[in-house]
Amino acid sequence: MAKIENQNEKAVSENGKNGFALGKKNYIALAIGFAILVIGYALMSGGASTDPNVFNGDEIFNFRRITLAPIVLIIGFAVEIFAIMWRPRTKKD
């Protein structure tokens, strides 16, 4: 068993990979995309009325919740997809 583990460690060290599926830049881009998504959902929240018998349509259906927040969310999801699919260039000799 020890011999097999040593061969695996040797193969990993020869390839120069650390075992993660994505690189450091990918994880940074994922974090940025996640932050954009959080901002988009925060923009979409709110609009509650203090009186349950009163409907305030102007507050619920305003520009921020209907237009801006979905655009920010789409940008956030696009950044997430890009972060997962992007493969950084490697230096080849």
PDB file of N, CA and C in Angstrom:
ATOM      1  N   MET A   1       0.809  -1.198   0.000  1.00  0.00           N
ATOM      2  CA  MET A   1       0.000   0.000   0.000  1.00  0.00           C
ATOM      3  C   MET A   1       0.851   1.261   0.000  1.00  0.00           C
ATOM      4  N   ALA A   2       1.920   1.233   0.767  1.00  0.00           N
ATOM      5  CA  ALA A   2       2.779   2.411   0.846  1.00  0.00           C
ATOM      6  C   ALA A   2       3.408   2.711  -0.506  1.00  0.00           C
ATOM      7  N   LYS A   3       3.718   1.672  -1.252  1.00  0.00           N
ATOM      8  CA  LYS A   3       4.333   1.871  -2.559  1.00  0.00           C
ATOM      9  C   LYS A   3       3.358   2.548  -3.528  1.00  0.00           C
ATOM     10  N   ILE A   4       2.095   2.169  -3.467  1.00  0.00           N
ATOM     11  CA  ILE A   4       1.076   2.773  -4.331  1.00  0.00           C
ATOM     12  C   ILE A   4       0.891   4.240  -3.970  1.00  0.00           C
ATOM     13  N   GLU A   5       0.833   4.559  -2.686  1.00  0.00           N
ATOM     14  CA  GLU A   5       0.672   5.945  -2.265  1.00  0.00           C
ATOM     15  C   GLU A   5       1.851   6.790  -2.713  1.00  0.00           C
ATOM     16  N   ASN A   6       3.060   6.253  -2.629  1.00  0.00           N
ATOM     17  CA  ASN A   6       4.237   6.999  -3.067  1.00  0.00           C
ATOM     18  C   ASN A   6       4.199   7.269  -4.564  1.00  0.00           C
ATOM     19  N   GLN A   7       3.700   6.307  -5.344  1.00  0.00           N
ATOM     20  CA  GLN A   7       3.593   6.511  -6.787  1.00  0.00           C
ATOM     21  C   GLN A   7       2.581   7.605  -7.097  1.00  0.00           C
ATOM     22  N   ASN A   8       1.459   7.629  -6.367  1.00  0.00           N
ATOM     23  CA  ASN A   8       0.458   8.666  -6.582  1.00  0.00           C
ATOM     24  C   ASN A   8       1.012  10.038  -6.228  1.00  0.00           C
ATOM     25  N   GLU A   9       1.721  10.134  -5.116  1.00  0.00           N
ATOM     26  CA  GLU A   9       2.308  11.409  -4.728  1.00  0.00           C
ATOM     27  C   GLU A   9       3.335  11.869  -5.750  1.00  0.00           C
ATOM     28  N   LYS A  10       4.109  10.932  -6.278  1.00  0.00           N
ATOM     29  CA  LYS A  10       5.117  11.262  -7.276  1.00  0.00           C
ATOM     30  C   LYS A  10       4.458  11.764  -8.563  1.00  0.00           C
ATOM     31  N   ALA A  11       3.363  11.132  -8.968  1.00  0.00           N
ATOM     32  CA  ALA A  11       2.656  11.544 -10.182  1.00  0.00           C
ATOM     33  C   ALA A  11       2.072  12.939 -10.017  1.00  0.00           C
ATOM     34  N   VAL A  12       1.532  13.225  -8.847  1.00  0.00           N
ATOM     35  CA  VAL A  12       0.961  14.547  -8.608  1.00  0.00           C
ATOM     36  C   VAL A  12       2.049  15.602  -8.620  1.00  0.00           C
ATOM     37  N   SER A  13       3.175  15.323  -7.991  1.00  0.00           N
ATOM     38  CA  SER A  13       4.246  16.316  -7.952  1.00  0.00           C
ATOM     39  C   SER A  13       4.871  16.526  -9.330  1.00  0.00           C
ATOM     40  N   GLU A  14       4.915  15.506 -10.167  1.00  0.00           N
ATOM     41  CA  GLU A  14       5.466  15.660 -11.513  1.00  0.00           C
ATOM     42  C   GLU A  14       4.564  16.515 -12.390  1.00  0.00           C
ATOM     43  N   ASN A  15       3.253  16.375 -12.224  1.00  0.00           N
ATOM     44  CA  ASN A  15       2.319  17.156 -13.023  1.00  0.00           C
ATOM     45  C   ASN A  15       2.231  18.593 -12.544  1.00  0.00           C
ATOM     46  N   GLY A  16       2.607  18.854 -11.301  1.00  0.00           N
ATOM     47  CA  GLY A  16       2.544  20.204 -10.772  1.00  0.00           C
ATOM     48  C   GLY A  16       1.147  20.627 -10.373  1.00  0.00           C
ATOM     49  N   LYS A  17       0.228  19.710 -10.265  1.00  0.00           N
ATOM     50  CA  LYS A  17      -1.134  20.046  -9.879  1.00  0.00           C
ATOM     51  C   LYS A  17      -1.323  19.728  -8.406  1.00  0.00           C
ATOM     52  N   ASN A  18      -2.202  20.499  -7.780  1.00  0.00           N
ATOM     53  CA  ASN A  18      -2.402  20.333  -6.351  1.00  0.00           C
ATOM     54  C   ASN A  18      -3.659  19.550  -6.008  1.00  0.00           C
ATOM     55  N   GLY A  19      -4.367  19.043  -6.968  1.00  0.00           N
ATOM     56  CA  GLY A  19      -5.541  18.232  -6.704  1.00  0.00           C
ATOM     57  C   GLY A  19      -6.858  18.986  -6.767  1.00  0.00           C
ATOM     58  N   PHE A  20      -6.819  20.316  -6.888  1.00  0.00           N
ATOM     59  CA  PHE A  20      -8.051  21.073  -7.009  1.00  0.00           C
ATOM     60  C   PHE A  20      -8.535  21.033  -8.455  1.00  0.00           C
ATOM     61  N   ALA A  21      -9.835  21.095  -8.622  1.00  0.00           N
ATOM     62  CA  ALA A  21     -10.400  21.031  -9.968  1.00  0.00           C
ATOM     63  C   ALA A  21     -10.153  22.314 -10.750  1.00  0.00           C
ATOM     64  N   LEU A  22     -10.116  23.440 -10.056  1.00  0.00           N
ATOM     65  CA  LEU A  22      -9.935  24.731 -10.707  1.00  0.00           C
ATOM     66  C   LEU A  22      -8.709  25.430 -10.144  1.00  0.00           C
ATOM     67  N   GLY A  23      -8.249  26.432 -10.850  1.00  0.00           N
ATOM     68  CA  GLY A  23      -7.092  27.190 -10.404  1.00  0.00           C
ATOM     69  C   GLY A  23      -7.477  28.316  -9.462  1.00  0.00           C
ATOM     70  N   LYS A  24      -6.473  29.008  -8.960  1.00  0.00           N
ATOM     71  CA  LYS A  24      -6.687  30.095  -8.006  1.00  0.00           C
ATOM     72  C   LYS A  24      -7.507  31.224  -8.627  1.00  0.00           C
ATOM     73  N   LYS A  25      -7.209  31.562  -9.869  1.00  0.00           N
ATOM     74  CA  LYS A  25      -7.941  32.639 -10.544  1.00  0.00           C
ATOM     75  C   LYS A  25      -9.411  32.259 -10.748  1.00  0.00           C
ATOM     76  N   ASN A  26      -9.670  30.991 -10.990  1.00  0.00           N
ATOM     77  CA  ASN A  26     -11.050  30.539 -11.149  1.00  0.00           C
ATOM     78  C   ASN A  26     -11.832  30.720  -9.849  1.00  0.00           C
ATOM     79  N   TYR A  27     -11.208  30.373  -8.731  1.00  0.00           N
ATOM     80  CA  TYR A  27     -11.886  30.512  -7.444  1.00  0.00           C
ATOM     81  C   TYR A  27     -12.106  31.977  -7.080  1.00  0.00           C
ATOM     82  N   ILE A  28     -11.179  32.836  -7.456  1.00  0.00           N
ATOM     83  CA  ILE A  28     -11.374  34.269  -7.231  1.00  0.00           C
ATOM     84  C   ILE A  28     -12.547  34.769  -8.067  1.00  0.00           C
ATOM     85  N   ALA A  29     -12.622  34.338  -9.321  1.00  0.00           N
ATOM     86  CA  ALA A  29     -13.744  34.730 -10.189  1.00  0.00           C
ATOM     87  C   ALA A  29     -15.063  34.177  -9.659  1.00  0.00           C
ATOM     88  N   LEU A  30     -15.050  32.958  -9.104  1.00  0.00           N
ATOM     89  CA  LEU A  30     -16.260  32.403  -8.494  1.00  0.00           C
ATOM     90  C   LEU A  30     -16.712  33.250  -7.313  1.00  0.00           C
ATOM     91  N   ALA A  31     -15.772  33.700  -6.496  1.00  0.00           N
ATOM     92  CA  ALA A  31     -16.118  34.537  -5.348  1.00  0.00           C
ATOM     93  C   ALA A  31     -16.693  35.876  -5.800  1.00  0.00           C
ATOM     94  N   ILE A  32     -16.125  36.452  -6.853  1.00  0.00           N
ATOM     95  CA  ILE A  32     -16.648  37.711  -7.389  1.00  0.00           C
ATOM     96  C   ILE A  32     -18.058  37.506  -7.934  1.00  0.00           C
ATOM     97  N   GLY A  33     -18.274  36.419  -8.662  1.00  0.00           N
ATOM     98  CA  GLY A  33     -19.613  36.118  -9.178  1.00  0.00           C
ATOM     99  C   GLY A  33     -20.618  35.901  -8.064  1.00  0.00           C
ATOM    100  N   PHE A  34     -20.194  35.224  -6.996  1.00  0.00           N
ATOM    101  CA  PHE A  34     -21.085  35.009  -5.854  1.00  0.00           C
ATOM    102  C   PHE A  34     -21.442  36.337  -5.196  1.00  0.00           C
ATOM    103  N   ALA A  35     -20.471  37.244  -5.084  1.00  0.00           N
ATOM    104  CA  ALA A  35     -20.747  38.560  -4.502  1.00  0.00           C
ATOM    105  C   ALA A  35     -21.734  39.340  -5.371  1.00  0.00           C
ATOM    106  N   ILE A  36     -21.598  39.249  -6.687  1.00  0.00           N
ATOM    107  CA  ILE A  36     -22.541  39.917  -7.592  1.00  0.00           C
ATOM    108  C   ILE A  36     -23.938  39.330  -7.427  1.00  0.00           C
ATOM    109  N   LEU A  37     -24.033  38.010  -7.264  1.00  0.00           N
ATOM    110  CA  LEU A  37     -25.339  37.383  -7.048  1.00  0.00           C
ATOM    111  C   LEU A  37     -25.968  37.851  -5.741  1.00  0.00           C
ATOM    112  N   VAL A  38     -25.180  37.961  -4.693  1.00  0.00           N
ATOM    113  CA  VAL A  38     -25.704  38.435  -3.406  1.00  0.00           C
ATOM    114  C   VAL A  38     -26.221  39.864  -3.548  1.00  0.00           C
ATOM    115  N   ILE A  39     -25.483  40.703  -4.265  1.00  0.00           N
ATOM    116  CA  ILE A  39     -25.933  42.078  -4.496  1.00  0.00           C
ATOM    117  C   ILE A  39     -27.236  42.082  -5.289  1.00  0.00           C
ATOM    118  N   GLY A  40     -27.350  41.241  -6.301  1.00  0.00           N
ATOM    119  CA  GLY A  40     -28.575  41.169  -7.099  1.00  0.00           C
ATOM    120  C   GLY A  40     -29.782  40.752  -6.281  1.00  0.00           C
ATOM    121  N   TYR A  41     -29.606  39.739  -5.431  1.00  0.00           N
ATOM    122  CA  TYR A  41     -30.723  39.319  -4.585  1.00  0.00           C
ATOM    123  C   TYR A  41     -31.057  40.371  -3.535  1.00  0.00           C
ATOM    124  N   ALA A  42     -30.056  41.096  -3.044  1.00  0.00           N
ATOM    125  CA  ALA A  42     -30.322  42.170  -2.084  1.00  0.00           C
ATOM    126  C   ALA A  42     -31.108  43.298  -2.748  1.00  0.00           C
ATOM    127  N   LEU A  43     -30.790  43.593  -4.012  1.00  0.00           N
ATOM    128  CA  LEU A  43     -31.545  44.617  -4.735  1.00  0.00           C
ATOM    129  C   LEU A  43     -32.995  44.198  -4.949  1.00  0.00           C
ATOM    130  N   MET A  44     -33.230  42.913  -5.069  1.00  0.00           N
ATOM    131  CA  MET A  44     -34.573  42.413  -5.322  1.00  0.00           C
ATOM    132  C   MET A  44     -35.431  42.371  -4.055  1.00  0.00           C
ATOM    133  N   SER A  45     -34.808  42.368  -2.903  1.00  0.00           N
ATOM    134  CA  SER A  45     -35.557  42.228  -1.650  1.00  0.00           C
ATOM    135  C   SER A  45     -36.247  43.532  -1.269  1.00  0.00           C
ATOM    136  N   GLY A  46     -37.123  43.432  -0.301  1.00  0.00           N
ATOM    137  CA  GLY A  46     -37.814  44.607   0.213  1.00  0.00           C
ATOM    138  C   GLY A  46     -39.200  44.758  -0.367  1.00  0.00           C
ATOM    139  N   GLY A  47     -39.777  45.923  -0.148  1.00  0.00           N
ATOM    140  CA  GLY A  47     -41.095  46.219  -0.675  1.00  0.00           C
ATOM    141  C   GLY A  47     -42.238  45.806   0.217  1.00  0.00           C
ATOM    142  N   ALA A  48     -41.926  45.399   1.438  1.00  0.00           N
ATOM    143  CA  ALA A  48     -42.982  44.977   2.353  1.00  0.00           C
ATOM    144  C   ALA A  48     -43.732  46.194   2.885  1.00  0.00           C
ATOM    145  N   SER A  49     -44.998  46.011   3.104  1.00  0.00           N
ATOM    146  CA  SER A  49     -45.834  47.071   3.638  1.00  0.00           C
ATOM    147  C   SER A  49     -46.016  46.870   5.135  1.00  0.00           C
ATOM    148  N   THR A  50     -46.074  47.960   5.862  1.00  0.00           N
ATOM    149  CA  THR A  50     -46.290  47.850   7.305  1.00  0.00           C
ATOM    150  C   THR A  50     -47.722  47.454   7.614  1.00  0.00           C
ATOM    151  N   ASP A  51     -48.652  47.823   6.747  1.00  0.00           N
ATOM    152  CA  ASP A  51     -50.060  47.470   6.918  1.00  0.00           C
ATOM    153  C   ASP A  51     -50.414  46.388   5.899  1.00  0.00           C
ATOM    154  N   PRO A  52     -50.828  45.192   6.347  1.00  0.00           N
ATOM    155  CA  PRO A  52     -51.134  44.119   5.396  1.00  0.00           C
ATOM    156  C   PRO A  52     -52.359  44.389   4.525  1.00  0.00           C
ATOM    157  N   ASN A  53     -53.171  45.366   4.880  1.00  0.00           N
ATOM    158  CA  ASN A  53     -54.366  45.678   4.098  1.00  0.00           C
ATOM    159  C   ASN A  53     -54.095  46.688   2.986  1.00  0.00           C
ATOM    160  N   VAL A  54     -52.899  47.223   2.924  1.00  0.00           N
ATOM    161  CA  VAL A  54     -52.557  48.237   1.929  1.00  0.00           C
ATOM    162  C   VAL A  54     -51.591  47.631   0.914  1.00  0.00           C
ATOM    163  N   PHE A  55     -51.934  47.785  -0.373  1.00  0.00           N
ATOM    164  CA  PHE A  55     -51.070  47.306  -1.453  1.00  0.00           C
ATOM    165  C   PHE A  55     -50.351  48.496  -2.059  1.00  0.00           C
ATOM    166  N   ASN A  56     -49.038  48.496  -1.959  1.00  0.00           N
ATOM    167  CA  ASN A  56     -48.239  49.579  -2.511  1.00  0.00           C
ATOM    168  C   ASN A  56     -47.523  49.074  -3.760  1.00  0.00           C
ATOM    169  N   GLY A  57     -48.166  49.193  -4.890  1.00  0.00           N
ATOM    170  CA  GLY A  57     -47.627  48.685  -6.147  1.00  0.00           C
ATOM    171  C   GLY A  57     -46.408  49.436  -6.632  1.00  0.00           C
ATOM    172  N   ASP A  58     -46.331  50.738  -6.325  1.00  0.00           N
ATOM    173  CA  ASP A  58     -45.174  51.518  -6.770  1.00  0.00           C
ATOM    174  C   ASP A  58     -43.884  51.047  -6.107  1.00  0.00           C
ATOM    175  N   GLU A  59     -43.978  50.598  -4.870  1.00  0.00           N
ATOM    176  CA  GLU A  59     -42.784  50.138  -4.169  1.00  0.00           C
ATOM    177  C   GLU A  59     -42.391  48.728  -4.603  1.00  0.00           C
ATOM    178  N   ILE A  60     -43.355  47.893  -4.881  1.00  0.00           N
ATOM    179  CA  ILE A  60     -43.062  46.518  -5.285  1.00  0.00           C
ATOM    180  C   ILE A  60     -42.592  46.460  -6.738  1.00  0.00           C
ATOM    181  N   PHE A  61     -43.248  47.192  -7.611  1.00  0.00           N
ATOM    182  CA  PHE A  61     -42.952  47.121  -9.045  1.00  0.00           C
ATOM    183  C   PHE A  61     -42.117  48.310  -9.512  1.00  0.00           C
ATOM    184  N   ASN A  62     -41.067  48.638  -8.791  1.00  0.00           N
ATOM    185  CA  ASN A  62     -40.228  49.756  -9.212  1.00  0.00           C
ATOM    186  C   ASN A  62     -39.067  49.261 -10.077  1.00  0.00           C
ATOM    187  N   PHE A  63     -38.297  50.188 -10.608  1.00  0.00           N
ATOM    188  CA  PHE A  63     -37.203  49.877 -11.533  1.00  0.00           C
ATOM    189  C   PHE A  63     -36.162  48.958 -10.904  1.00  0.00           C
ATOM    190  N   ARG A  64     -35.857  49.200  -9.645  1.00  0.00           N
ATOM    191  CA  ARG A  64     -34.797  48.429  -8.993  1.00  0.00           C
ATOM    192  C   ARG A  64     -35.139  46.950  -8.913  1.00  0.00           C
ATOM    193  N   ARG A  65     -36.371  46.617  -8.558  1.00  0.00           N
ATOM    194  CA  ARG A  65     -36.754  45.213  -8.372  1.00  0.00           C
ATOM    195  C   ARG A  65     -37.119  44.509  -9.678  1.00  0.00           C
ATOM    196  N   ILE A  66     -37.669  45.234 -10.623  1.00  0.00           N
ATOM    197  CA  ILE A  66     -38.156  44.613 -11.855  1.00  0.00           C
ATOM    198  C   ILE A  66     -37.086  44.585 -12.950  1.00  0.00           C
ATOM    199  N   THR A  67     -36.205  45.569 -12.995  1.00  0.00           N
ATOM    200  CA  THR A  67     -35.243  45.653 -14.088  1.00  0.00           C
ATOM    201  C   THR A  67     -33.799  45.495 -13.626  1.00  0.00           C
ATOM    202  N   LEU A  68     -33.385  46.295 -12.668  1.00  0.00           N
ATOM    203  CA  LEU A  68     -31.981  46.321 -12.265  1.00  0.00           C
ATOM    204  C   LEU A  68     -31.534  45.015 -11.612  1.00  0.00           C
ATOM    205  N   ALA A  69     -32.297  44.505 -10.668  1.00  0.00           N
ATOM    206  CA  ALA A  69     -31.906  43.277  -9.958  1.00  0.00           C
ATOM    207  C   ALA A  69     -31.785  42.070 -10.897  1.00  0.00           C
ATOM    208  N   PRO A  70     -32.735  41.824 -11.805  1.00  0.00           N
ATOM    209  CA  PRO A  70     -32.545  40.696 -12.729  1.00  0.00           C
ATOM    210  C   PRO A  70     -31.336  40.850 -13.652  1.00  0.00           C
ATOM    211  N   ILE A  71     -31.033  42.076 -14.073  1.00  0.00           N
ATOM    212  CA  ILE A  71     -29.851  42.291 -14.907  1.00  0.00           C
ATOM    213  C   ILE A  71     -28.587  41.971 -14.116  1.00  0.00           C
ATOM    214  N   VAL A  72     -28.528  42.420 -12.862  1.00  0.00           N
ATOM    215  CA  VAL A  72     -27.365  42.132 -12.013  1.00  0.00           C
ATOM    216  C   VAL A  72     -27.246  40.628 -11.782  1.00  0.00           C
ATOM    217  N   LEU A  73     -28.365  39.940 -11.591  1.00  0.00           N
ATOM    218  CA  LEU A  73     -28.326  38.489 -11.398  1.00  0.00           C
ATOM    219  C   LEU A  73     -27.831  37.767 -12.650  1.00  0.00           C
ATOM    220  N   ILE A  74     -28.267  38.195 -13.812  1.00  0.00           N
ATOM    221  CA  ILE A  74     -27.802  37.570 -15.055  1.00  0.00           C
ATOM    222  C   ILE A  74     -26.300  37.781 -15.219  1.00  0.00           C
ATOM    223  N   ILE A  75     -25.819  38.971 -14.892  1.00  0.00           N
ATOM    224  CA  ILE A  75     -24.380  39.228 -14.949  1.00  0.00           C
ATOM    225  C   ILE A  75     -23.643  38.332 -13.961  1.00  0.00           C
ATOM    226  N   GLY A  76     -24.201  38.167 -12.763  1.00  0.00           N
ATOM    227  CA  GLY A  76     -23.577  37.299 -11.762  1.00  0.00           C
ATOM    228  C   GLY A  76     -23.507  35.853 -12.214  1.00  0.00           C
ATOM    229  N   PHE A  77     -24.591  35.346 -12.790  1.00  0.00           N
ATOM    230  CA  PHE A  77     -24.576  33.966 -13.290  1.00  0.00           C
ATOM    231  C   PHE A  77     -23.613  33.814 -14.470  1.00  0.00           C
ATOM    232  N   ALA A  78     -23.514  34.837 -15.317  1.00  0.00           N
ATOM    233  CA  ALA A  78     -22.561  34.785 -16.432  1.00  0.00           C
ATOM    234  C   ALA A  78     -21.124  34.738 -15.915  1.00  0.00           C
ATOM    235  N   VAL A  79     -20.837  35.500 -14.865  1.00  0.00           N
ATOM    236  CA  VAL A  79     -19.497  35.467 -14.271  1.00  0.00           C
ATOM    237  C   VAL A  79     -19.221  34.092 -13.680  1.00  0.00           C
ATOM    238  N   GLU A  80     -20.217  33.488 -13.041  1.00  0.00           N
ATOM    239  CA  GLU A  80     -20.047  32.147 -12.472  1.00  0.00           C
ATOM    240  C   GLU A  80     -19.749  31.116 -13.570  1.00  0.00           C
ATOM    241  N   ILE A  81     -20.485  31.168 -14.660  1.00  0.00           N
ATOM    242  CA  ILE A  81     -20.260  30.230 -15.767  1.00  0.00           C
ATOM    243  C   ILE A  81     -18.873  30.446 -16.361  1.00  0.00           C
ATOM    244  N   PHE A  82     -18.502  31.707 -16.541  1.00  0.00           N
ATOM    245  CA  PHE A  82     -17.168  32.015 -17.060  1.00  0.00           C
ATOM    246  C   PHE A  82     -16.086  31.494 -16.117  1.00  0.00           C
ATOM    247  N   ALA A  83     -16.279  31.665 -14.816  1.00  0.00           N
ATOM    248  CA  ALA A  83     -15.273  31.228 -13.840  1.00  0.00           C
ATOM    249  C   ALA A  83     -15.099  29.717 -13.853  1.00  0.00           C
ATOM    250  N   ILE A  84     -16.168  28.996 -14.100  1.00  0.00           N
ATOM    251  CA  ILE A  84     -16.079  27.535 -14.130  1.00  0.00           C
ATOM    252  C   ILE A  84     -15.446  27.060 -15.439  1.00  0.00           C
ATOM    253  N   MET A  85     -15.806  27.679 -16.543  1.00  0.00           N
ATOM    254  CA  MET A  85     -15.355  27.210 -17.850  1.00  0.00           C
ATOM    255  C   MET A  85     -13.969  27.713 -18.238  1.00  0.00           C
ATOM    256  N   TRP A  86     -13.515  28.825 -17.681  1.00  0.00           N
ATOM    257  CA  TRP A  86     -12.271  29.460 -18.091  1.00  0.00           C
ATOM    258  C   TRP A  86     -11.067  28.643 -17.656  1.00  0.00           C
ATOM    259  N   ARG A  87     -10.173  28.437 -18.578  1.00  0.00           N
ATOM    260  CA  ARG A  87      -8.929  27.732 -18.273  1.00  0.00           C
ATOM    261  C   ARG A  87      -7.775  28.698 -18.529  1.00  0.00           C
ATOM    262  N   PRO A  88      -7.041  29.075 -17.482  1.00  0.00           N
ATOM    263  CA  PRO A  88      -5.938  30.026 -17.675  1.00  0.00           C
ATOM    264  C   PRO A  88      -4.867  29.459 -18.602  1.00  0.00           C
ATOM    265  N   ARG A  89      -4.206  30.336 -19.294  1.00  0.00           N
ATOM    266  CA  ARG A  89      -3.132  29.918 -20.191  1.00  0.00           C
ATOM    267  C   ARG A  89      -1.956  29.402 -19.377  1.00  0.00           C
ATOM    268  N   THR A  90      -1.349  28.357 -19.877  1.00  0.00           N
ATOM    269  CA  THR A  90      -0.172  27.805 -19.218  1.00  0.00           C
ATOM    270  C   THR A  90       1.051  28.084 -20.072  1.00  0.00           C
ATOM    271  N   LYS A  91       2.166  28.248 -19.420  1.00  0.00           N
ATOM    272  CA  LYS A  91       3.412  28.485 -20.141  1.00  0.00           C
ATOM    273  C   LYS A  91       3.942  27.162 -20.661  1.00  0.00           C
ATOM    274  N   LYS A  92       4.125  27.097 -21.967  1.00  0.00           N
ATOM    275  CA  LYS A  92       4.671  25.890 -22.587  1.00  0.00           C
ATOM    276  C   LYS A  92       6.028  26.222 -23.177  1.00  0.00           C
ATOM    277  N   ASP A  93       6.970  25.371 -22.911  1.00  0.00           N
ATOM    278  CA  ASP A  93       8.333  25.603 -23.420  1.00  0.00           C
ATOM    279  C   ASP A  93       8.484  25.095 -24.828  1.00  0.00           C
TER     280      ASP A  93
END
